[in-house]
């Protein structure tokens, strides 16, 4: 359950970043592992793993790494 919530949180940050930088209207989860969207994914991870006072949660970043690796295997 917590893995799905983390992926969902990352996906919402990713979706906001892609909508801000491009004109695509629909974004899918499989777009997160696309090489074309790597810069947007990197910014989404930065935004999702930082606090309001701009401290980075390194454990959360590591968790995102393993979740994206698992997501790539499933997709």
PDB file of N, CA and C in Angstrom:
ATOM      1  N   UNK A   1       0.816  -1.194   0.000  1.00  0.00           N
ATOM      2  CA  UNK A   1       0.000   0.000   0.000  1.00  0.00           C
ATOM      3  C   UNK A   1       0.865   1.266   0.000  1.00  0.00           C
ATOM      4  N   UNK A   2       1.896   1.259   0.824  1.00  0.00           N
ATOM      5  CA  UNK A   2       2.723   2.466   0.899  1.00  0.00           C
ATOM      6  C   UNK A   2       3.498   2.680  -0.402  1.00  0.00           C
ATOM      7  N   UNK A   3       3.883   1.587  -1.061  1.00  0.00           N
ATOM      8  CA  UNK A   3       4.569   1.724  -2.348  1.00  0.00           C
ATOM      9  C   UNK A   3       3.669   2.389  -3.375  1.00  0.00           C
ATOM     10  N   UNK A   4       2.420   1.991  -3.400  1.00  0.00           N
ATOM     11  CA  UNK A   4       1.470   2.585  -4.351  1.00  0.00           C
ATOM     12  C   UNK A   4       1.250   4.065  -4.054  1.00  0.00           C
ATOM     13  N   UNK A   5       1.205   4.414  -2.781  1.00  0.00           N
ATOM     14  CA  UNK A   5       1.045   5.832  -2.420  1.00  0.00           C
ATOM     15  C   UNK A   5       2.270   6.633  -2.847  1.00  0.00           C
ATOM     16  N   UNK A   6       3.445   6.082  -2.653  1.00  0.00           N
ATOM     17  CA  UNK A   6       4.662   6.789  -3.053  1.00  0.00           C
ATOM     18  C   UNK A   6       4.724   6.972  -4.559  1.00  0.00           C
ATOM     19  N   UNK A   7       4.380   5.926  -5.305  1.00  0.00           N
ATOM     20  CA  UNK A   7       4.364   6.040  -6.768  1.00  0.00           C
ATOM     21  C   UNK A   7       3.314   7.062  -7.196  1.00  0.00           C
ATOM     22  N   UNK A   8       2.165   7.063  -6.525  1.00  0.00           N
ATOM     23  CA  UNK A   8       1.112   8.037  -6.839  1.00  0.00           C
ATOM     24  C   UNK A   8       1.559   9.461  -6.581  1.00  0.00           C
ATOM     25  N   UNK A   9       2.250   9.668  -5.478  1.00  0.00           N
ATOM     26  CA  UNK A   9       2.771  10.999  -5.163  1.00  0.00           C
ATOM     27  C   UNK A   9       3.800  11.437  -6.191  1.00  0.00           C
ATOM     28  N   UNK A  10       4.695  10.528  -6.541  1.00  0.00           N
ATOM     29  CA  UNK A  10       5.702  10.844  -7.548  1.00  0.00           C
ATOM     30  C   UNK A  10       5.047  11.125  -8.901  1.00  0.00           C
ATOM     31  N   UNK A  11       4.029  10.351  -9.229  1.00  0.00           N
ATOM     32  CA  UNK A  11       3.349  10.550 -10.509  1.00  0.00           C
ATOM     33  C   UNK A  11       2.650  11.910 -10.563  1.00  0.00           C
ATOM     34  N   UNK A  12       2.034  12.356  -9.475  1.00  0.00           N
ATOM     35  CA  UNK A  12       1.399  13.675  -9.508  1.00  0.00           C
ATOM     36  C   UNK A  12       2.426  14.786  -9.693  1.00  0.00           C
ATOM     37  N   UNK A  13       3.570  14.655  -9.041  1.00  0.00           N
ATOM     38  CA  UNK A  13       4.637  15.647  -9.253  1.00  0.00           C
ATOM     39  C   UNK A  13       5.154  15.582 -10.686  1.00  0.00           C
ATOM     40  N   UNK A  14       5.300  14.374 -11.207  1.00  0.00           N
ATOM     41  CA  UNK A  14       5.753  14.196 -12.585  1.00  0.00           C
ATOM     42  C   UNK A  14       4.742  14.781 -13.568  1.00  0.00           C
ATOM     43  N   UNK A  15       3.471  14.531 -13.320  1.00  0.00           N
ATOM     44  CA  UNK A  15       2.407  15.030 -14.198  1.00  0.00           C
ATOM     45  C   UNK A  15       2.386  16.558 -14.213  1.00  0.00           C
ATOM     46  N   UNK A  16       2.548  17.181 -13.052  1.00  0.00           N
ATOM     47  CA  UNK A  16       2.587  18.648 -13.002  1.00  0.00           C
ATOM     48  C   UNK A  16       3.784  19.181 -13.768  1.00  0.00           C
ATOM     49  N   UNK A  17       4.925  18.518 -13.653  1.00  0.00           N
ATOM     50  CA  UNK A  17       6.131  18.967 -14.337  1.00  0.00           C
ATOM     51  C   UNK A  17       6.009  18.812 -15.850  1.00  0.00           C
ATOM     52  N   UNK A  18       5.455  17.694 -16.306  1.00  0.00           N
ATOM     53  CA  UNK A  18       5.292  17.483 -17.747  1.00  0.00           C
ATOM     54  C   UNK A  18       4.284  18.476 -18.310  1.00  0.00           C
ATOM     55  N   UNK A  19       3.197  18.716 -17.600  1.00  0.00           N
ATOM     56  CA  UNK A  19       2.199  19.686 -18.068  1.00  0.00           C
ATOM     57  C   UNK A  19       2.772  21.093 -18.108  1.00  0.00           C
ATOM     58  N   UNK A  20       3.717  21.396 -17.219  1.00  0.00           N
ATOM     59  CA  UNK A  20       4.333  22.714 -17.198  1.00  0.00           C
ATOM     60  C   UNK A  20       5.313  22.890 -18.344  1.00  0.00           C
ATOM     61  N   UNK A  21       6.028  21.820 -18.722  1.00  0.00           N
ATOM     62  CA  UNK A  21       7.086  21.955 -19.716  1.00  0.00           C
ATOM     63  C   UNK A  21       6.668  21.615 -21.143  1.00  0.00           C
ATOM     64  N   UNK A  22       5.600  20.850 -21.306  1.00  0.00           N
ATOM     65  CA  UNK A  22       5.204  20.488 -22.665  1.00  0.00           C
ATOM     66  C   UNK A  22       3.705  20.697 -22.848  1.00  0.00           C
ATOM     67  N   UNK A  23       3.250  20.418 -24.051  1.00  0.00           N
ATOM     68  CA  UNK A  23       1.851  20.647 -24.374  1.00  0.00           C
ATOM     69  C   UNK A  23       1.036  19.354 -24.383  1.00  0.00           C
ATOM     70  N   UNK A  24       1.599  18.267 -23.840  1.00  0.00           N
ATOM     71  CA  UNK A  24       0.870  17.007 -23.795  1.00  0.00           C
ATOM     72  C   UNK A  24      -0.322  17.137 -22.852  1.00  0.00           C
ATOM     73  N   UNK A  25      -1.463  16.611 -23.269  1.00  0.00           N
ATOM     74  CA  UNK A  25      -2.642  16.713 -22.431  1.00  0.00           C
ATOM     75  C   UNK A  25      -2.786  15.520 -21.504  1.00  0.00           C
ATOM     76  N   UNK A  26      -2.365  14.343 -21.946  1.00  0.00           N
ATOM     77  CA  UNK A  26      -2.465  13.167 -21.092  1.00  0.00           C
ATOM     78  C   UNK A  26      -1.079  12.606 -20.820  1.00  0.00           C
ATOM     79  N   UNK A  27      -0.876  12.250 -19.589  1.00  0.00           N
ATOM     80  CA  UNK A  27       0.396  11.671 -19.165  1.00  0.00           C
ATOM     81  C   UNK A  27       0.068  10.342 -18.501  1.00  0.00           C
ATOM     82  N   UNK A  28       0.815   9.318 -18.849  1.00  0.00           N
ATOM     83  CA  UNK A  28       0.603   7.989 -18.289  1.00  0.00           C
ATOM     84  C   UNK A  28       1.778   7.608 -17.410  1.00  0.00           C
ATOM     85  N   UNK A  29       1.562   6.607 -16.572  1.00  0.00           N
ATOM     86  CA  UNK A  29       2.620   6.159 -15.670  1.00  0.00           C
ATOM     87  C   UNK A  29       3.810   5.626 -16.453  1.00  0.00           C
ATOM     88  N   UNK A  30       3.544   4.981 -17.576  1.00  0.00           N
ATOM     89  CA  UNK A  30       4.656   4.444 -18.365  1.00  0.00           C
ATOM     90  C   UNK A  30       5.534   5.549 -18.943  1.00  0.00           C
ATOM     91  N   UNK A  31       5.033   6.783 -18.981  1.00  0.00           N
ATOM     92  CA  UNK A  31       5.845   7.905 -19.447  1.00  0.00           C
ATOM     93  C   UNK A  31       6.951   8.260 -18.450  1.00  0.00           C
ATOM     94  N   UNK A  32       6.786   7.848 -17.189  1.00  0.00           N
ATOM     95  CA  UNK A  32       7.814   8.151 -16.192  1.00  0.00           C
ATOM     96  C   UNK A  32       9.115   7.419 -16.480  1.00  0.00           C
ATOM     97  N   UNK A  33       9.048   6.248 -17.113  1.00  0.00           N
ATOM     98  CA  UNK A  33      10.280   5.507 -17.374  1.00  0.00           C
ATOM     99  C   UNK A  33      10.780   5.702 -18.798  1.00  0.00           C
ATOM    100  N   UNK A  34      10.155   6.602 -19.522  1.00  0.00           N
ATOM    101  CA  UNK A  34      10.603   6.919 -20.874  1.00  0.00           C
ATOM    102  C   UNK A  34      11.850   7.802 -20.812  1.00  0.00           C
ATOM    103  N   UNK A  35      12.787   7.534 -21.683  1.00  0.00           N
ATOM    104  CA  UNK A  35      14.035   8.283 -21.706  1.00  0.00           C
ATOM    105  C   UNK A  35      13.803   9.750 -22.087  1.00  0.00           C
ATOM    106  N   UNK A  36      12.773  10.012 -22.884  1.00  0.00           N
ATOM    107  CA  UNK A  36      12.483  11.384 -23.309  1.00  0.00           C
ATOM    108  C   UNK A  36      12.059  12.274 -22.138  1.00  0.00           C
ATOM    109  N   UNK A  37      11.493  11.695 -21.108  1.00  0.00           N
ATOM    110  CA  UNK A  37      10.970  12.460 -19.980  1.00  0.00           C
ATOM    111  C   UNK A  37      11.874  12.402 -18.752  1.00  0.00           C
ATOM    112  N   UNK A  38      13.133  12.052 -18.938  1.00  0.00           N
ATOM    113  CA  UNK A  38      14.032  11.891 -17.801  1.00  0.00           C
ATOM    114  C   UNK A  38      14.228  13.192 -17.027  1.00  0.00           C
ATOM    115  N   UNK A  39      14.337  14.298 -17.713  1.00  0.00           N
ATOM    116  CA  UNK A  39      14.539  15.583 -17.027  1.00  0.00           C
ATOM    117  C   UNK A  39      13.331  15.935 -16.159  1.00  0.00           C
ATOM    118  N   UNK A  40      12.144  15.670 -16.670  1.00  0.00           N
ATOM    119  CA  UNK A  40      10.926  15.930 -15.889  1.00  0.00           C
ATOM    120  C   UNK A  40      10.837  15.009 -14.687  1.00  0.00           C
ATOM    121  N   UNK A  41      11.252  13.753 -14.861  1.00  0.00           N
ATOM    122  CA  UNK A  41      11.244  12.804 -13.747  1.00  0.00           C
ATOM    123  C   UNK A  41      12.246  13.226 -12.679  1.00  0.00           C
ATOM    124  N   UNK A  42      13.389  13.706 -13.107  1.00  0.00           N
ATOM    125  CA  UNK A  42      14.405  14.150 -12.158  1.00  0.00           C
ATOM    126  C   UNK A  42      13.902  15.322 -11.316  1.00  0.00           C
ATOM    127  N   UNK A  43      13.242  16.271 -11.955  1.00  0.00           N
ATOM    128  CA  UNK A  43      12.686  17.415 -11.225  1.00  0.00           C
ATOM    129  C   UNK A  43      11.550  16.972 -10.314  1.00  0.00           C
ATOM    130  N   UNK A  44      10.730  16.026 -10.776  1.00  0.00           N
ATOM    131  CA  UNK A  44       9.630  15.517  -9.957  1.00  0.00           C
ATOM    132  C   UNK A  44      10.153  14.817  -8.710  1.00  0.00           C
ATOM    133  N   UNK A  45      11.248  14.070  -8.838  1.00  0.00           N
ATOM    134  CA  UNK A  45      11.844  13.408  -7.678  1.00  0.00           C
ATOM    135  C   UNK A  45      12.398  14.443  -6.709  1.00  0.00           C
ATOM    136  N   UNK A  46      13.035  15.475  -7.235  1.00  0.00           N
ATOM    137  CA  UNK A  46      13.540  16.547  -6.375  1.00  0.00           C
ATOM    138  C   UNK A  46      12.406  17.218  -5.605  1.00  0.00           C
ATOM    139  N   UNK A  47      11.294  17.503  -6.316  1.00  0.00           N
ATOM    140  CA  UNK A  47      10.169  18.166  -5.670  1.00  0.00           C
ATOM    141  C   UNK A  47       9.466  17.263  -4.661  1.00  0.00           C
ATOM    142  N   UNK A  48       9.348  15.984  -4.985  1.00  0.00           N
ATOM    143  CA  UNK A  48       8.643  15.067  -4.094  1.00  0.00           C
ATOM    144  C   UNK A  48       9.466  14.710  -2.862  1.00  0.00           C
ATOM    145  N   UNK A  49      10.780  14.791  -2.956  1.00  0.00           N
ATOM    146  CA  UNK A  49      11.621  14.378  -1.834  1.00  0.00           C
ATOM    147  C   UNK A  49      12.198  15.541  -1.046  1.00  0.00           C
ATOM    148  N   UNK A  50      11.752  16.744  -1.304  1.00  0.00           N
ATOM    149  CA  UNK A  50      12.251  17.882  -0.528  1.00  0.00           C
ATOM    150  C   UNK A  50      11.139  18.430   0.359  1.00  0.00           C
ATOM    151  N   UNK A  51      11.541  18.992   1.471  1.00  0.00           N
ATOM    152  CA  UNK A  51      10.589  19.567   2.411  1.00  0.00           C
ATOM    153  C   UNK A  51      10.388  21.039   2.097  1.00  0.00           C
ATOM    154  N   UNK A  52       9.555  21.679   2.887  1.00  0.00           N
ATOM    155  CA  UNK A  52       9.250  23.094   2.643  1.00  0.00           C
ATOM    156  C   UNK A  52      10.470  23.987   2.864  1.00  0.00           C
ATOM    157  N   UNK A  53      11.356  23.602   3.772  1.00  0.00           N
ATOM    158  CA  UNK A  53      12.552  24.411   4.005  1.00  0.00           C
ATOM    159  C   UNK A  53      13.745  23.905   3.190  1.00  0.00           C
ATOM    160  N   UNK A  54      13.444  23.284   2.065  1.00  0.00           N
ATOM    161  CA  UNK A  54      14.378  22.806   1.035  1.00  0.00           C
ATOM    162  C   UNK A  54      15.439  21.836   1.550  1.00  0.00           C
ATOM    163  N   UNK A  55      15.066  21.017   2.527  1.00  0.00           N
ATOM    164  CA  UNK A  55      15.938  19.924   2.941  1.00  0.00           C
ATOM    165  C   UNK A  55      15.535  18.677   2.150  1.00  0.00           C
ATOM    166  N   UNK A  56      16.498  17.934   1.727  1.00  0.00           N
ATOM    167  CA  UNK A  56      16.239  16.755   0.903  1.00  0.00           C
ATOM    168  C   UNK A  56      16.185  15.516   1.789  1.00  0.00           C
ATOM    169  N   UNK A  57      15.156  14.707   1.571  1.00  0.00           N
ATOM    170  CA  UNK A  57      15.020  13.449   2.299  1.00  0.00           C
ATOM    171  C   UNK A  57      15.671  12.353   1.453  1.00  0.00           C
ATOM    172  N   UNK A  58      16.879  11.992   1.810  1.00  0.00           N
ATOM    173  CA  UNK A  58      17.628  11.037   0.998  1.00  0.00           C
ATOM    174  C   UNK A  58      17.029   9.632   1.052  1.00  0.00           C
ATOM    175  N   UNK A  59      16.397   9.262   2.179  1.00  0.00           N
ATOM    176  CA  UNK A  59      15.770   7.939   2.272  1.00  0.00           C
ATOM    177  C   UNK A  59      14.612   7.823   1.301  1.00  0.00           C
ATOM    178  N   UNK A  60      13.862   8.902   1.130  1.00  0.00           N
ATOM    179  CA  UNK A  60      12.738   8.911   0.204  1.00  0.00           C
ATOM    180  C   UNK A  60      13.229   8.826  -1.237  1.00  0.00           C
ATOM    181  N   UNK A  61      14.333   9.485  -1.540  1.00  0.00           N
ATOM    182  CA  UNK A  61      14.919   9.386  -2.874  1.00  0.00           C
ATOM    183  C   UNK A  61      15.350   7.958  -3.173  1.00  0.00           C
ATOM    184  N   UNK A  62      15.937   7.292  -2.202  1.00  0.00           N
ATOM    185  CA  UNK A  62      16.342   5.901  -2.370  1.00  0.00           C
ATOM    186  C   UNK A  62      15.123   5.004  -2.554  1.00  0.00           C
ATOM    187  N   UNK A  63      14.070   5.295  -1.840  1.00  0.00           N
ATOM    188  CA  UNK A  63      12.819   4.545  -1.987  1.00  0.00           C
ATOM    189  C   UNK A  63      12.247   4.720  -3.393  1.00  0.00           C
ATOM    190  N   UNK A  64      12.296   5.937  -3.917  1.00  0.00           N
ATOM    191  CA  UNK A  64      11.831   6.185  -5.285  1.00  0.00           C
ATOM    192  C   UNK A  64      12.663   5.395  -6.296  1.00  0.00           C
ATOM    193  N   UNK A  65      13.952   5.281  -6.045  1.00  0.00           N
ATOM    194  CA  UNK A  65      14.828   4.527  -6.940  1.00  0.00           C
ATOM    195  C   UNK A  65      14.362   3.076  -7.051  1.00  0.00           C
ATOM    196  N   UNK A  66      14.159   2.436  -5.905  1.00  0.00           N
ATOM    197  CA  UNK A  66      13.750   1.037  -5.924  1.00  0.00           C
ATOM    198  C   UNK A  66      12.343   0.861  -6.485  1.00  0.00           C
ATOM    199  N   UNK A  67      11.470   1.814  -6.221  1.00  0.00           N
ATOM    200  CA  UNK A  67      10.117   1.726  -6.769  1.00  0.00           C
ATOM    201  C   UNK A  67      10.107   1.895  -8.285  1.00  0.00           C
ATOM    202  N   UNK A  68      10.913   2.803  -8.789  1.00  0.00           N
ATOM    203  CA  UNK A  68      10.992   2.978 -10.252  1.00  0.00           C
ATOM    204  C   UNK A  68      11.634   1.771 -10.913  1.00  0.00           C
ATOM    205  N   UNK A  69      12.583   1.162 -10.250  1.00  0.00           N
ATOM    206  CA  UNK A  69      13.201  -0.042 -10.779  1.00  0.00           C
ATOM    207  C   UNK A  69      12.174  -1.173 -10.860  1.00  0.00           C
ATOM    208  N   UNK A  70      11.351  -1.297  -9.802  1.00  0.00           N
ATOM    209  CA  UNK A  70      10.299  -2.307  -9.784  1.00  0.00           C
ATOM    210  C   UNK A  70       9.230  -2.000 -10.821  1.00  0.00           C
ATOM    211  N   UNK A  71       8.895  -0.711 -10.979  1.00  0.00           N
ATOM    212  CA  UNK A  71       7.904  -0.294 -11.986  1.00  0.00           C
ATOM    213  C   UNK A  71       8.379  -0.620 -13.392  1.00  0.00           C
ATOM    214  N   UNK A  72       9.667  -0.410 -13.661  1.00  0.00           N
ATOM    215  CA  UNK A  72      10.220  -0.710 -14.986  1.00  0.00           C
ATOM    216  C   UNK A  72      10.159  -2.204 -15.284  1.00  0.00           C
ATOM    217  N   UNK A  73      10.371  -3.023 -14.287  1.00  0.00           N
ATOM    218  CA  UNK A  73      10.270  -4.471 -14.493  1.00  0.00           C
ATOM    219  C   UNK A  73       8.844  -4.872 -14.802  1.00  0.00           C
ATOM    220  N   UNK A  74       7.876  -4.266 -14.122  1.00  0.00           N
ATOM    221  CA  UNK A  74       6.469  -4.621 -14.326  1.00  0.00           C
ATOM    222  C   UNK A  74       5.985  -4.148 -15.695  1.00  0.00           C
ATOM    223  N   UNK A  75       6.364  -2.946 -16.066  1.00  0.00           N
ATOM    224  CA  UNK A  75       5.902  -2.400 -17.356  1.00  0.00           C
ATOM    225  C   UNK A  75       6.677  -3.035 -18.477  1.00  0.00           C
TER     226      UNK A  75
END
